[in-house]
Structures are given as C-alpha cells and as structure tokens.
C-alpha cells in the first residue's frame, strides 16, 4: 500500500461520521432556532420553500432516472434498488431539512452582514441594477466552478505522478459508478441535488452559525470558513482511494466556495457548486 493510501486509511476511515453528526446537529439547531425566532425567520420562508422544492424536484429526477436503469450486472441492479429505496425514504427528510436550514441560515447570514439572496430579493422588488448583479454573480459562479474543476484535475494528475495510478472509487462503489455512467438525467439530478443541499447546510447554515459562535474572536470568519470546509471534506473523503486526495480536493474547494459566500451570498455558491458537480461527474464519475 502506498504512503498516501496508508495515511488515508488511518486518518479518514470514520471521517464520514463527523459530517453526518454535523448535519444532524445543524438540523436540530436550525429547528430550535426556527421555533425560537420564528417571527424574524418568517421573512425568509418563501425563499426557503423554493429551495426545498428545488431539492425535492431534483431527487424525484434521480428516482425517475434510477427506475430506467436496467440490463446491468446483478451487483449494479442491487445498488440501483438500494439507491432508489434510499432516495424515496429520504425525500421528506431532505425537503424538511433544506427548508429549515435555508430559512434559519438566511437569518444567520443577515446577522453576519452577508445578504443571503440579493439577486432574488432585487428581482422581487424590481430594484435597479439587479440584472447586472445577476450577470456578475453568474460569471463568478461559472469561473469558480471552472477553477474548482481545474484544481481537481490537477490534484488527481499529481496523485497519479506520485503513486503511479490515478485515484480510484472507494472499494464497493464501482457498481454505483457503473449505474451513473452515461446516465445524463441521473448525473444532473444527483449533482444538482447534492450541490443545493450541501450549500444550504455547509455554507448558508453551518458557516454562518460558526461565524455567529465565534463572533468577537479574532479571525472569526476565517476560522468558520476553514472549519466548515474541513467538516464538508470529511464527509467526502471515503468516496475515493486514496482518501486523503479526496479530502484535499473538497477542503480547498470548500474554502473557495466559503469565500464566495461571505462576499457574494449563497446564490453564487449554488451556481458555482452546481457547475462544479456537473462537470466533475460528467468528466470522471465519482472521481
């Protein structure tokens, strides 16, 4: 086993539980905040409902696309059925968690002087200059998604030069990669649903909650960006071998998206993450 592989196995084997625990605790904290600050949070519920509906629609696309997968190996059919059942069971959970964390995260974002939905609010109120702001943020999102994609390809190439082989899907996920191969609706649905839910959880809620928690401390925003990015990376490390390469990829991309959120709001992050996810899934599957 290579040095990178040894480090990954010892350091990141159970890292996904950190991400799961953080998401569960964030939802619980968001739900509590939603109840306690319901009057202040209420103004953000329309936008939260739109985002939750979008995530739900993307999950339905994933379920429909999985239903069309056939004529695969026995193992691939098994994983298809598991993925379909999981997507159906978790559909209400993702809808509710998206709604709660989007509404409370938007309130936290405002408290930290980062307007959460500047373009959507501007369009709703017909503010002058909103279309220009929308075009600017779209450009930033596409550039950021491209930068994240180029960095990922460069990192994987560097791994191949060091170890003699490119990063591979984690053991046991090859059949999942087979299901995704060439299935455009599935790739789009999964990539966009993951991008939206993760941005709402990691950037809109968790990052702003950490900024609020660290308020008054020196470099509070920097610490919040780094910690939220590390938690996000921990949840993805187990999907690739060597796991440390996946951690390095997602951690750096998370810092980039965190900075964009602090400067431009969650809308730009949603666009950047969506472009990155679709690009990385189309070019390399789970790699």
Foldseek 3Di string as FASTA:
>chain_A
DDPLLVCQCVPQVPLQVLLVVLLVVLLVVLVVCCVVVVVLLVVQQVVLLVLLVLLLVLLVLLLVLLVPDDPDDPLLVVVSVVSNVVSVVCSVVLSVSSSSLRSSLQSLCVVVVFRACVLVVCVVVVPPPSVVLVVVLLVVLLVLLVVLQVVLVVLQVVVCVVPVHGKDFAPPCPSVLVSLPPSLSNLLSVQLSVQSSLLSSLASRQLSVQLVVCPPPPCSSVVSQQVSQQSVLSSLLRGIPVSVSSSVSSSVSSSVLNVCCSVHHSVSSSSNSSSNSSVCCNVPNSD
